[in-house]
PDB file of all heavy atoms in Angstrom:
ATOM      1  N   GLY A   1       1.313   6.733 -10.996  1.00  0.00           N
ATOM      2  CA  GLY A   1       1.316   5.916  -9.803  1.00  0.00           C
ATOM      3  C   GLY A   1       2.582   5.097  -9.587  1.00  0.00           C
ATOM      4  O   GLY A   1       2.739   4.468  -8.548  1.00  0.00           O
ATOM      5  N   ALA A   2       3.488   5.124 -10.550  1.00  0.00           N
ATOM      6  CA  ALA A   2       4.731   4.361 -10.405  1.00  0.00           C
ATOM      7  C   ALA A   2       5.648   5.014  -9.375  1.00  0.00           C
ATOM      8  O   ALA A   2       5.558   6.213  -9.099  1.00  0.00           O
ATOM      9  CB  ALA A   2       5.459   4.253 -11.746  1.00  0.00           C
ATOM     10  N   VAL A   3       6.524   4.209  -8.823  1.00  0.00           N
ATOM     11  CA  VAL A   3       7.560   4.663  -7.897  1.00  0.00           C
ATOM     12  C   VAL A   3       8.893   4.526  -8.619  1.00  0.00           C
ATOM     13  O   VAL A   3       9.117   3.557  -9.343  1.00  0.00           O
ATOM     14  CB  VAL A   3       7.551   3.797  -6.611  1.00  0.00           C
ATOM     15  CG1 VAL A   3       8.733   4.110  -5.727  1.00  0.00           C
ATOM     16  CG2 VAL A   3       6.241   3.974  -5.867  1.00  0.00           C
ATOM     17  N   HIS A   4       9.768   5.495  -8.430  1.00  0.00           N
ATOM     18  CA  HIS A   4      11.061   5.467  -9.102  1.00  0.00           C
ATOM     19  C   HIS A   4      12.146   4.921  -8.185  1.00  0.00           C
ATOM     20  O   HIS A   4      12.376   5.459  -7.097  1.00  0.00           O
ATOM     21  CB  HIS A   4      11.445   6.879  -9.549  1.00  0.00           C
ATOM     22  CG  HIS A   4      12.731   6.943 -10.286  1.00  0.00           C
ATOM     23  ND1 HIS A   4      13.786   7.686  -9.857  1.00  0.00           N
ATOM     24  CD2 HIS A   4      13.122   6.334 -11.432  1.00  0.00           C
ATOM     25  CE1 HIS A   4      14.789   7.552 -10.715  1.00  0.00           C
ATOM     26  NE2 HIS A   4      14.407   6.732 -11.676  1.00  0.00           N
ATOM     27  N   ILE A   5      12.758   3.845  -8.622  1.00  0.00           N
ATOM     28  CA  ILE A   5      13.992   3.354  -8.002  1.00  0.00           C
ATOM     29  C   ILE A   5      14.885   2.978  -9.175  1.00  0.00           C
ATOM     30  O   ILE A   5      14.720   1.927  -9.795  1.00  0.00           O
ATOM     31  CB  ILE A   5      13.781   2.132  -7.089  1.00  0.00           C
ATOM     32  CG1 ILE A   5      12.698   2.373  -6.056  1.00  0.00           C
ATOM     33  CG2 ILE A   5      15.110   1.757  -6.408  1.00  0.00           C
ATOM     34  CD1 ILE A   5      12.389   1.167  -5.181  1.00  0.00           C
ATOM     35  N   GLY A   6      15.806   3.856  -9.523  1.00  0.00           N
ATOM     36  CA  GLY A   6      16.652   3.653 -10.688  1.00  0.00           C
ATOM     37  C   GLY A   6      17.424   2.342 -10.635  1.00  0.00           C
ATOM     38  O   GLY A   6      17.764   1.839  -9.566  1.00  0.00           O
ATOM     39  N   ARG A   7      17.683   1.806 -11.800  1.00  0.00           N
ATOM     40  CA  ARG A   7      18.383   0.532 -11.942  1.00  0.00           C
ATOM     41  C   ARG A   7      19.702   0.527 -11.171  1.00  0.00           C
ATOM     42  O   ARG A   7      20.095  -0.477 -10.592  1.00  0.00           O
ATOM     43  CB  ARG A   7      18.615   0.263 -13.442  1.00  0.00           C
ATOM     44  CG  ARG A   7      19.417  -0.957 -13.776  1.00  0.00           C
ATOM     45  CD  ARG A   7      18.579  -2.218 -13.606  1.00  0.00           C
ATOM     46  NE  ARG A   7      19.417  -3.368 -13.804  1.00  0.00           N
ATOM     47  CZ  ARG A   7      20.008  -4.045 -12.827  1.00  0.00           C
ATOM     48  NH1 ARG A   7      19.843  -3.671 -11.573  1.00  0.00           N
ATOM     49  NH2 ARG A   7      20.765  -5.072 -13.080  1.00  0.00           N
ATOM     50  N   GLY A   8      20.378   1.646 -11.136  1.00  0.00           N
ATOM     51  CA  GLY A   8      21.677   1.717 -10.472  1.00  0.00           C
ATOM     52  C   GLY A   8      21.625   1.583  -8.966  1.00  0.00           C
ATOM     53  O   GLY A   8      22.633   1.265  -8.342  1.00  0.00           O
ATOM     54  N   VAL A   9      20.450   1.817  -8.373  1.00  0.00           N
ATOM     55  CA  VAL A   9      20.330   1.746  -6.916  1.00  0.00           C
ATOM     56  C   VAL A   9      19.247   0.767  -6.469  1.00  0.00           C
ATOM     57  O   VAL A   9      18.956   0.663  -5.285  1.00  0.00           O
ATOM     58  CB  VAL A   9      20.067   3.142  -6.293  1.00  0.00           C
ATOM     59  CG1 VAL A   9      21.243   4.073  -6.540  1.00  0.00           C
ATOM     60  CG2 VAL A   9      18.761   3.733  -6.791  1.00  0.00           C
ATOM     61  N   LEU A  10      18.658   0.058  -7.401  1.00  0.00           N
ATOM     62  CA  LEU A  10      17.528  -0.815  -7.084  1.00  0.00           C
ATOM     63  C   LEU A  10      17.867  -1.835  -6.006  1.00  0.00           C
ATOM     64  O   LEU A  10      17.147  -1.969  -5.017  1.00  0.00           O
ATOM     65  CB  LEU A  10      17.036  -1.528  -8.348  1.00  0.00           C
ATOM     66  CG  LEU A  10      15.864  -2.482  -8.143  1.00  0.00           C
ATOM     67  CD1 LEU A  10      14.607  -1.706  -7.770  1.00  0.00           C
ATOM     68  CD2 LEU A  10      15.635  -3.304  -9.403  1.00  0.00           C
ATOM     69  N   GLU A  11      18.929  -2.561  -6.194  1.00  0.00           N
ATOM     70  CA  GLU A  11      19.276  -3.614  -5.237  1.00  0.00           C
ATOM     71  C   GLU A  11      19.593  -3.025  -3.862  1.00  0.00           C
ATOM     72  O   GLU A  11      19.301  -3.641  -2.841  1.00  0.00           O
ATOM     73  CB  GLU A  11      20.464  -4.444  -5.749  1.00  0.00           C
ATOM     74  CG  GLU A  11      20.150  -5.272  -6.978  1.00  0.00           C
ATOM     75  CD  GLU A  11      20.240  -4.507  -8.300  1.00  0.00           C
ATOM     76  OE1 GLU A  11      20.503  -3.279  -8.285  1.00  0.00           O
ATOM     77  OE2 GLU A  11      20.045  -5.131  -9.354  1.00  0.00           O
ATOM     78  N   ARG A  12      20.124  -1.827  -3.836  1.00  0.00           N
ATOM     79  CA  ARG A  12      20.438  -1.161  -2.572  1.00  0.00           C
ATOM     80  C   ARG A  12      19.174  -0.699  -1.856  1.00  0.00           C
ATOM     81  O   ARG A  12      19.074  -0.787  -0.624  1.00  0.00           O
ATOM     82  CB  ARG A  12      21.352   0.042  -2.831  1.00  0.00           C
ATOM     83  CG  ARG A  12      21.780   0.767  -1.571  1.00  0.00           C
ATOM     84  CD  ARG A  12      22.400   2.103  -1.871  1.00  0.00           C
ATOM     85  NE  ARG A  12      21.364   3.057  -2.274  1.00  0.00           N
ATOM     86  CZ  ARG A  12      21.624   4.231  -2.828  1.00  0.00           C
ATOM     87  NH1 ARG A  12      22.863   4.606  -3.069  1.00  0.00           N
ATOM     88  NH2 ARG A  12      20.634   5.043  -3.160  1.00  0.00           N
ATOM     89  N   ASP A  13      18.188  -0.202  -2.612  1.00  0.00           N
ATOM     90  CA  ASP A  13      17.046   0.488  -2.020  1.00  0.00           C
ATOM     91  C   ASP A  13      15.745  -0.315  -1.967  1.00  0.00           C
ATOM     92  O   ASP A  13      14.794   0.112  -1.312  1.00  0.00           O
ATOM     93  CB  ASP A  13      16.785   1.790  -2.780  1.00  0.00           C
ATOM     94  CG  ASP A  13      17.915   2.793  -2.626  1.00  0.00           C
ATOM     95  OD1 ASP A  13      18.820   2.564  -1.789  1.00  0.00           O
ATOM     96  OD2 ASP A  13      17.903   3.806  -3.339  1.00  0.00           O
ATOM     97  N   ILE A  14      15.673  -1.433  -2.660  1.00  0.00           N
ATOM     98  CA  ILE A  14      14.399  -2.146  -2.782  1.00  0.00           C
ATOM     99  C   ILE A  14      13.856  -2.631  -1.439  1.00  0.00           C
ATOM    100  O   ILE A  14      12.654  -2.581  -1.200  1.00  0.00           O
ATOM    101  CB  ILE A  14      14.496  -3.322  -3.796  1.00  0.00           C
ATOM    102  CG1 ILE A  14      13.111  -3.899  -4.088  1.00  0.00           C
ATOM    103  CG2 ILE A  14      15.451  -4.399  -3.303  1.00  0.00           C
ATOM    104  CD1 ILE A  14      12.154  -2.987  -4.771  1.00  0.00           C
ATOM    105  N   GLU A  15      14.709  -3.097  -0.554  1.00  0.00           N
ATOM    106  CA  GLU A  15      14.214  -3.656   0.705  1.00  0.00           C
ATOM    107  C   GLU A  15      13.560  -2.602   1.589  1.00  0.00           C
ATOM    108  O   GLU A  15      12.628  -2.914   2.334  1.00  0.00           O
ATOM    109  CB  GLU A  15      15.327  -4.400   1.437  1.00  0.00           C
ATOM    110  CG  GLU A  15      15.716  -5.678   0.699  1.00  0.00           C
ATOM    111  CD  GLU A  15      16.903  -6.386   1.288  1.00  0.00           C
ATOM    112  OE1 GLU A  15      17.911  -5.714   1.601  1.00  0.00           O
ATOM    113  OE2 GLU A  15      16.831  -7.608   1.439  1.00  0.00           O
ATOM    114  N   ALA A  16      14.004  -1.356   1.480  1.00  0.00           N
ATOM    115  CA  ALA A  16      13.340  -0.278   2.232  1.00  0.00           C
ATOM    116  C   ALA A  16      11.993   0.066   1.595  1.00  0.00           C
ATOM    117  O   ALA A  16      11.014   0.320   2.291  1.00  0.00           O
ATOM    118  CB  ALA A  16      14.233   0.958   2.287  1.00  0.00           C
ATOM    119  N   ALA A  17      11.934   0.040   0.271  1.00  0.00           N
ATOM    120  CA  ALA A  17      10.695   0.392  -0.431  1.00  0.00           C
ATOM    121  C   ALA A  17       9.670  -0.736  -0.405  1.00  0.00           C
ATOM    122  O   ALA A  17       8.473  -0.479  -0.298  1.00  0.00           O
ATOM    123  CB  ALA A  17      11.018   0.762  -1.886  1.00  0.00           C
ATOM    124  N   VAL A  18      10.151  -1.971  -0.499  1.00  0.00           N
ATOM    125  CA  VAL A  18       9.265  -3.148  -0.522  1.00  0.00           C
ATOM    126  C   VAL A  18       9.857  -4.191   0.428  1.00  0.00           C
ATOM    127  O   VAL A  18      10.570  -5.104   0.011  1.00  0.00           O
ATOM    128  CB  VAL A  18       9.129  -3.734  -1.946  1.00  0.00           C
ATOM    129  CG1 VAL A  18       8.130  -4.895  -1.960  1.00  0.00           C
ATOM    130  CG2 VAL A  18       8.726  -2.667  -2.950  1.00  0.00           C
ATOM    131  N   PRO A  19       9.600  -4.049   1.729  1.00  0.00           N
ATOM    132  CA  PRO A  19      10.216  -4.970   2.689  1.00  0.00           C
ATOM    133  C   PRO A  19       9.680  -6.404   2.620  1.00  0.00           C
ATOM    134  O   PRO A  19      10.411  -7.346   2.931  1.00  0.00           O
ATOM    135  CB  PRO A  19       9.929  -4.341   4.050  1.00  0.00           C
ATOM    136  CG  PRO A  19       8.879  -3.314   3.831  1.00  0.00           C
ATOM    137  CD  PRO A  19       8.882  -2.959   2.383  1.00  0.00           C
ATOM    138  N   ASP A  20       8.436  -6.573   2.214  1.00  0.00           N
ATOM    139  CA  ASP A  20       7.840  -7.907   2.134  1.00  0.00           C
ATOM    140  C   ASP A  20       8.222  -8.536   0.800  1.00  0.00           C
ATOM    141  O   ASP A  20       7.716  -8.143  -0.253  1.00  0.00           O
ATOM    142  CB  ASP A  20       6.325  -7.815   2.263  1.00  0.00           C
ATOM    143  CG  ASP A  20       5.637  -9.171   2.195  1.00  0.00           C
ATOM    144  OD1 ASP A  20       6.321 -10.204   2.010  1.00  0.00           O
ATOM    145  OD2 ASP A  20       4.394  -9.194   2.292  1.00  0.00           O
ATOM    146  N   LYS A  21       9.083  -9.516   0.843  1.00  0.00           N
ATOM    147  CA  LYS A  21       9.602 -10.124  -0.383  1.00  0.00           C
ATOM    148  C   LYS A  21       8.576 -10.996  -1.107  1.00  0.00           C
ATOM    149  O   LYS A  21       8.831 -11.471  -2.207  1.00  0.00           O
ATOM    150  CB  LYS A  21      10.871 -10.907  -0.081  1.00  0.00           C
ATOM    151  CG  LYS A  21      12.005  -9.986   0.316  1.00  0.00           C
ATOM    152  CD  LYS A  21      13.310 -10.698   0.503  1.00  0.00           C
ATOM    153  CE  LYS A  21      14.391  -9.678   0.830  1.00  0.00           C
ATOM    154  NZ  LYS A  21      15.706 -10.287   0.908  1.00  0.00           N
ATOM    155  N   LYS A  22       7.396 -11.156  -0.506  1.00  0.00           N
ATOM    156  CA  LYS A  22       6.312 -11.877  -1.178  1.00  0.00           C
ATOM    157  C   LYS A  22       5.361 -10.917  -1.901  1.00  0.00           C
ATOM    158  O   LYS A  22       4.483 -11.358  -2.636  1.00  0.00           O
ATOM    159  CB  LYS A  22       5.529 -12.716  -0.169  1.00  0.00           C
ATOM    160  CG  LYS A  22       6.357 -13.846   0.416  1.00  0.00           C
ATOM    161  CD  LYS A  22       5.578 -14.606   1.454  1.00  0.00           C
ATOM    162  CE  LYS A  22       6.471 -15.664   2.094  1.00  0.00           C
ATOM    163  NZ  LYS A  22       5.835 -16.270   3.255  1.00  0.00           N
ATOM    164  N   SER A  23       5.525  -9.616  -1.687  1.00  0.00           N
ATOM    165  CA  SER A  23       4.686  -8.614  -2.352  1.00  0.00           C
ATOM    166  C   SER A  23       4.884  -8.677  -3.859  1.00  0.00           C
ATOM    167  O   SER A  23       5.973  -8.981  -4.342  1.00  0.00           O
ATOM    168  CB  SER A  23       5.067  -7.204  -1.889  1.00  0.00           C
ATOM    169  OG  SER A  23       4.773  -7.021  -0.541  1.00  0.00           O
ATOM    170  N   GLU A  24       3.821  -8.347  -4.582  1.00  0.00           N
ATOM    171  CA  GLU A  24       3.954  -8.319  -6.037  1.00  0.00           C
ATOM    172  C   GLU A  24       4.669  -7.047  -6.470  1.00  0.00           C
ATOM    173  O   GLU A  24       4.304  -5.939  -6.073  1.00  0.00           O
ATOM    174  CB  GLU A  24       2.597  -8.389  -6.724  1.00  0.00           C
ATOM    175  CG  GLU A  24       2.756  -8.427  -8.236  1.00  0.00           C
ATOM    176  CD  GLU A  24       1.466  -8.595  -8.990  1.00  0.00           C
ATOM    177  OE1 GLU A  24       0.382  -8.545  -8.371  1.00  0.00           O
ATOM    178  OE2 GLU A  24       1.555  -8.769 -10.219  1.00  0.00           O
ATOM    179  N   VAL A  25       5.677  -7.224  -7.310  1.00  0.00           N
ATOM    180  CA  VAL A  25       6.475  -6.132  -7.843  1.00  0.00           C
ATOM    181  C   VAL A  25       6.485  -6.254  -9.370  1.00  0.00           C
ATOM    182  O   VAL A  25       6.840  -7.310  -9.901  1.00  0.00           O
ATOM    183  CB  VAL A  25       7.925  -6.176  -7.307  1.00  0.00           C
ATOM    184  CG1 VAL A  25       8.771  -5.081  -7.934  1.00  0.00           C
ATOM    185  CG2 VAL A  25       7.952  -6.086  -5.784  1.00  0.00           C
ATOM    186  N   VAL A  26       6.106  -5.179 -10.048  1.00  0.00           N
ATOM    187  CA  VAL A  26       6.196  -5.121 -11.508  1.00  0.00           C
ATOM    188  C   VAL A  26       7.192  -4.014 -11.842  1.00  0.00           C
ATOM    189  O   VAL A  26       7.020  -2.869 -11.416  1.00  0.00           O
ATOM    190  CB  VAL A  26       4.827  -4.827 -12.156  1.00  0.00           C
ATOM    191  CG1 VAL A  26       4.978  -4.670 -13.673  1.00  0.00           C
ATOM    192  CG2 VAL A  26       3.827  -5.920 -11.815  1.00  0.00           C
ATOM    193  N   LEU A  27       8.214  -4.378 -12.585  1.00  0.00           N
ATOM    194  CA  LEU A  27       9.260  -3.442 -12.971  1.00  0.00           C
ATOM    195  C   LEU A  27       9.091  -3.036 -14.426  1.00  0.00           C
ATOM    196  O   LEU A  27       8.663  -3.842 -15.255  1.00  0.00           O
ATOM    197  CB  LEU A  27      10.634  -4.096 -12.821  1.00  0.00           C
ATOM    198  CG  LEU A  27      10.987  -4.696 -11.470  1.00  0.00           C
ATOM    199  CD1 LEU A  27      12.303  -5.449 -11.558  1.00  0.00           C
ATOM    200  CD2 LEU A  27      11.051  -3.617 -10.407  1.00  0.00           C
ATOM    201  N   TYR A  28       9.433  -1.797 -14.731  1.00  0.00           N
ATOM    202  CA  TYR A  28       9.496  -1.392 -16.134  1.00  0.00           C
ATOM    203  C   TYR A  28      10.648  -0.424 -16.346  1.00  0.00           C
ATOM    204  O   TYR A  28      11.115   0.235 -15.419  1.00  0.00           O
ATOM    205  CB  TYR A  28       8.172  -0.794 -16.621  1.00  0.00           C
ATOM    206  CG  TYR A  28       7.869   0.611 -16.153  1.00  0.00           C
ATOM    207  CD1 TYR A  28       8.264   1.716 -16.902  1.00  0.00           C
ATOM    208  CD2 TYR A  28       7.166   0.842 -14.978  1.00  0.00           C
ATOM    209  CE1 TYR A  28       7.975   3.005 -16.488  1.00  0.00           C
ATOM    210  CE2 TYR A  28       6.869   2.125 -14.555  1.00  0.00           C
ATOM    211  CZ  TYR A  28       7.277   3.209 -15.321  1.00  0.00           C
ATOM    212  OH  TYR A  28       6.994   4.481 -14.910  1.00  0.00           O
ATOM    213  N   CYS A  29      11.116  -0.389 -17.582  1.00  0.00           N
ATOM    214  CA  CYS A  29      12.160   0.541 -17.995  1.00  0.00           C
ATOM    215  C   CYS A  29      11.719   1.152 -19.315  1.00  0.00           C
ATOM    216  O   CYS A  29      10.523   1.231 -19.588  1.00  0.00           O
ATOM    217  CB  CYS A  29      13.507  -0.176 -18.097  1.00  0.00           C
ATOM    218  SG  CYS A  29      13.539  -1.505 -19.323  1.00  0.00           S
ATOM    219  N   GLY A  30      12.636   1.542 -20.157  1.00  0.00           N
ATOM    220  CA  GLY A  30      12.273   2.144 -21.433  1.00  0.00           C
ATOM    221  C   GLY A  30      11.698   1.160 -22.427  1.00  0.00           C
ATOM    222  O   GLY A  30      10.751   1.463 -23.145  1.00  0.00           O
ATOM    223  N   GLY A  31      12.271  -0.043 -22.483  1.00  0.00           N
ATOM    224  CA  GLY A  31      11.836  -1.007 -23.477  1.00  0.00           C
ATOM    225  C   GLY A  31      11.669  -2.423 -22.988  1.00  0.00           C
ATOM    226  O   GLY A  31      11.328  -3.313 -23.762  1.00  0.00           O
ATOM    227  N   GLY A  32      11.947  -2.669 -21.708  1.00  0.00           N
ATOM    228  CA  GLY A  32      11.774  -4.003 -21.147  1.00  0.00           C
ATOM    229  C   GLY A  32      13.049  -4.807 -21.006  1.00  0.00           C
ATOM    230  O   GLY A  32      13.014  -5.952 -20.564  1.00  0.00           O
ATOM    231  N   PHE A  33      14.183  -4.220 -21.351  1.00  0.00           N
ATOM    232  CA  PHE A  33      15.456  -4.928 -21.251  1.00  0.00           C
ATOM    233  C   PHE A  33      16.061  -4.795 -19.848  1.00  0.00           C
ATOM    234  O   PHE A  33      16.339  -5.784 -19.192  1.00  0.00           O
ATOM    235  CB  PHE A  33      16.446  -4.398 -22.299  1.00  0.00           C
ATOM    236  CG  PHE A  33      16.013  -4.647 -23.709  1.00  0.00           C
ATOM    237  CD1 PHE A  33      15.406  -3.647 -24.444  1.00  0.00           C
ATOM    238  CD2 PHE A  33      16.222  -5.878 -24.306  1.00  0.00           C
ATOM    239  CE1 PHE A  33      15.007  -3.871 -25.751  1.00  0.00           C
ATOM    240  CE2 PHE A  33      15.832  -6.113 -25.615  1.00  0.00           C
ATOM    241  CZ  PHE A  33      15.221  -5.103 -26.341  1.00  0.00           C
ATOM    242  N   ARG A  34      16.241  -3.556 -19.397  1.00  0.00           N
ATOM    243  CA  ARG A  34      16.823  -3.343 -18.068  1.00  0.00           C
ATOM    244  C   ARG A  34      15.927  -3.896 -16.976  1.00  0.00           C
ATOM    245  O   ARG A  34      16.419  -4.415 -15.963  1.00  0.00           O
ATOM    246  CB  ARG A  34      17.069  -1.849 -17.825  1.00  0.00           C
ATOM    247  CG  ARG A  34      18.163  -1.270 -18.698  1.00  0.00           C
ATOM    248  CD  ARG A  34      18.240   0.230 -18.585  1.00  0.00           C
ATOM    249  NE  ARG A  34      17.098   0.829 -19.262  1.00  0.00           N
ATOM    250  CZ  ARG A  34      16.796   2.127 -19.231  1.00  0.00           C
ATOM    251  NH1 ARG A  34      17.534   2.972 -18.515  1.00  0.00           N
ATOM    252  NH2 ARG A  34      15.751   2.597 -19.892  1.00  0.00           N
ATOM    253  N   SER A  35      14.621  -3.811 -17.168  1.00  0.00           N
ATOM    254  CA  SER A  35      13.709  -4.341 -16.145  1.00  0.00           C
ATOM    255  C   SER A  35      13.790  -5.864 -16.069  1.00  0.00           C
ATOM    256  O   SER A  35      13.594  -6.434 -14.994  1.00  0.00           O
ATOM    257  CB  SER A  35      12.276  -3.877 -16.393  1.00  0.00           C
ATOM    258  OG  SER A  35      11.803  -4.263 -17.653  1.00  0.00           O
ATOM    259  N   ALA A  36      14.103  -6.528 -17.165  1.00  0.00           N
ATOM    260  CA  ALA A  36      14.300  -7.984 -17.123  1.00  0.00           C
ATOM    261  C   ALA A  36      15.531  -8.324 -16.293  1.00  0.00           C
ATOM    262  O   ALA A  36      15.498  -9.232 -15.452  1.00  0.00           O
ATOM    263  CB  ALA A  36      14.434  -8.549 -18.536  1.00  0.00           C
ATOM    264  N   LEU A  37      16.612  -7.588 -16.511  1.00  0.00           N
ATOM    265  CA  LEU A  37      17.825  -7.805 -15.708  1.00  0.00           C
ATOM    266  C   LEU A  37      17.547  -7.515 -14.235  1.00  0.00           C
ATOM    267  O   LEU A  37      17.978  -8.265 -13.347  1.00  0.00           O
ATOM    268  CB  LEU A  37      18.961  -6.909 -16.207  1.00  0.00           C
ATOM    269  CG  LEU A  37      19.454  -7.147 -17.629  1.00  0.00           C
ATOM    270  CD1 LEU A  37      20.425  -6.055 -18.040  1.00  0.00           C
ATOM    271  CD2 LEU A  37      20.089  -8.520 -17.754  1.00  0.00           C
ATOM    272  N   ALA A  38      16.811  -6.449 -13.975  1.00  0.00           N
ATOM    273  CA  ALA A  38      16.483  -6.076 -12.596  1.00  0.00           C
ATOM    274  C   ALA A  38      15.609  -7.132 -11.934  1.00  0.00           C
ATOM    275  O   ALA A  38      15.802  -7.460 -10.761  1.00  0.00           O
ATOM    276  CB  ALA A  38      15.787  -4.715 -12.579  1.00  0.00           C
ATOM    277  N   ALA A  39      14.644  -7.674 -12.678  1.00  0.00           N
ATOM    278  CA  ALA A  39      13.763  -8.703 -12.116  1.00  0.00           C
ATOM    279  C   ALA A  39      14.561  -9.932 -11.705  1.00  0.00           C
ATOM    280  O   ALA A  39      14.308 -10.521 -10.645  1.00  0.00           O
ATOM    281  CB  ALA A  39      12.683  -9.085 -13.135  1.00  0.00           C
ATOM    282  N   GLU A  40      15.515 -10.317 -12.519  1.00  0.00           N
ATOM    283  CA  GLU A  40      16.340 -11.472 -12.148  1.00  0.00           C
ATOM    284  C   GLU A  40      17.104 -11.200 -10.856  1.00  0.00           C
ATOM    285  O   GLU A  40      17.171 -12.054  -9.971  1.00  0.00           O
ATOM    286  CB  GLU A  40      17.316 -11.834 -13.262  1.00  0.00           C
ATOM    287  CG  GLU A  40      18.147 -13.052 -12.899  1.00  0.00           C
ATOM    288  CD  GLU A  40      19.178 -13.441 -13.932  1.00  0.00           C
ATOM    289  OE1 GLU A  40      19.358 -12.741 -14.936  1.00  0.00           O
ATOM    290  OE2 GLU A  40      19.838 -14.472 -13.703  1.00  0.00           O
ATOM    291  N   ASN A  41      17.650 -10.011 -10.717  1.00  0.00           N
ATOM    292  CA  ASN A  41      18.390  -9.696  -9.491  1.00  0.00           C
ATOM    293  C   ASN A  41      17.472  -9.680  -8.273  1.00  0.00           C
ATOM    294  O   ASN A  41      17.866 -10.144  -7.197  1.00  0.00           O
ATOM    295  CB  ASN A  41      19.125  -8.369  -9.623  1.00  0.00           C
ATOM    296  CG  ASN A  41      20.508  -8.555 -10.190  1.00  0.00           C
ATOM    297  OD1 ASN A  41      20.969  -9.674 -10.397  1.00  0.00           O
ATOM    298  ND2 ASN A  41      21.190  -7.458 -10.448  1.00  0.00           N
ATOM    299  N   LEU A  42      16.263  -9.162  -8.410  1.00  0.00           N
ATOM    300  CA  LEU A  42      15.346  -9.180  -7.267  1.00  0.00           C
ATOM    301  C   LEU A  42      14.999 -10.610  -6.876  1.00  0.00           C
ATOM    302  O   LEU A  42      14.890 -10.918  -5.689  1.00  0.00           O
ATOM    303  CB  LEU A  42      14.085  -8.371  -7.555  1.00  0.00           C
ATOM    304  CG  LEU A  42      14.261  -6.860  -7.694  1.00  0.00           C
ATOM    305  CD1 LEU A  42      12.911  -6.172  -7.720  1.00  0.00           C
ATOM    306  CD2 LEU A  42      15.137  -6.279  -6.599  1.00  0.00           C
TER     307      LEU A  42
END
């Protein structure tokens, strides 16, 4: 059920995939490191 938006394009593509910035978003990667960096950027 997950949707793929790679770390390299996340900031570029997230607003099209999740336009409502109040929506709940849970990110994951291989071990929780890249997703932490991505969460901060979002």
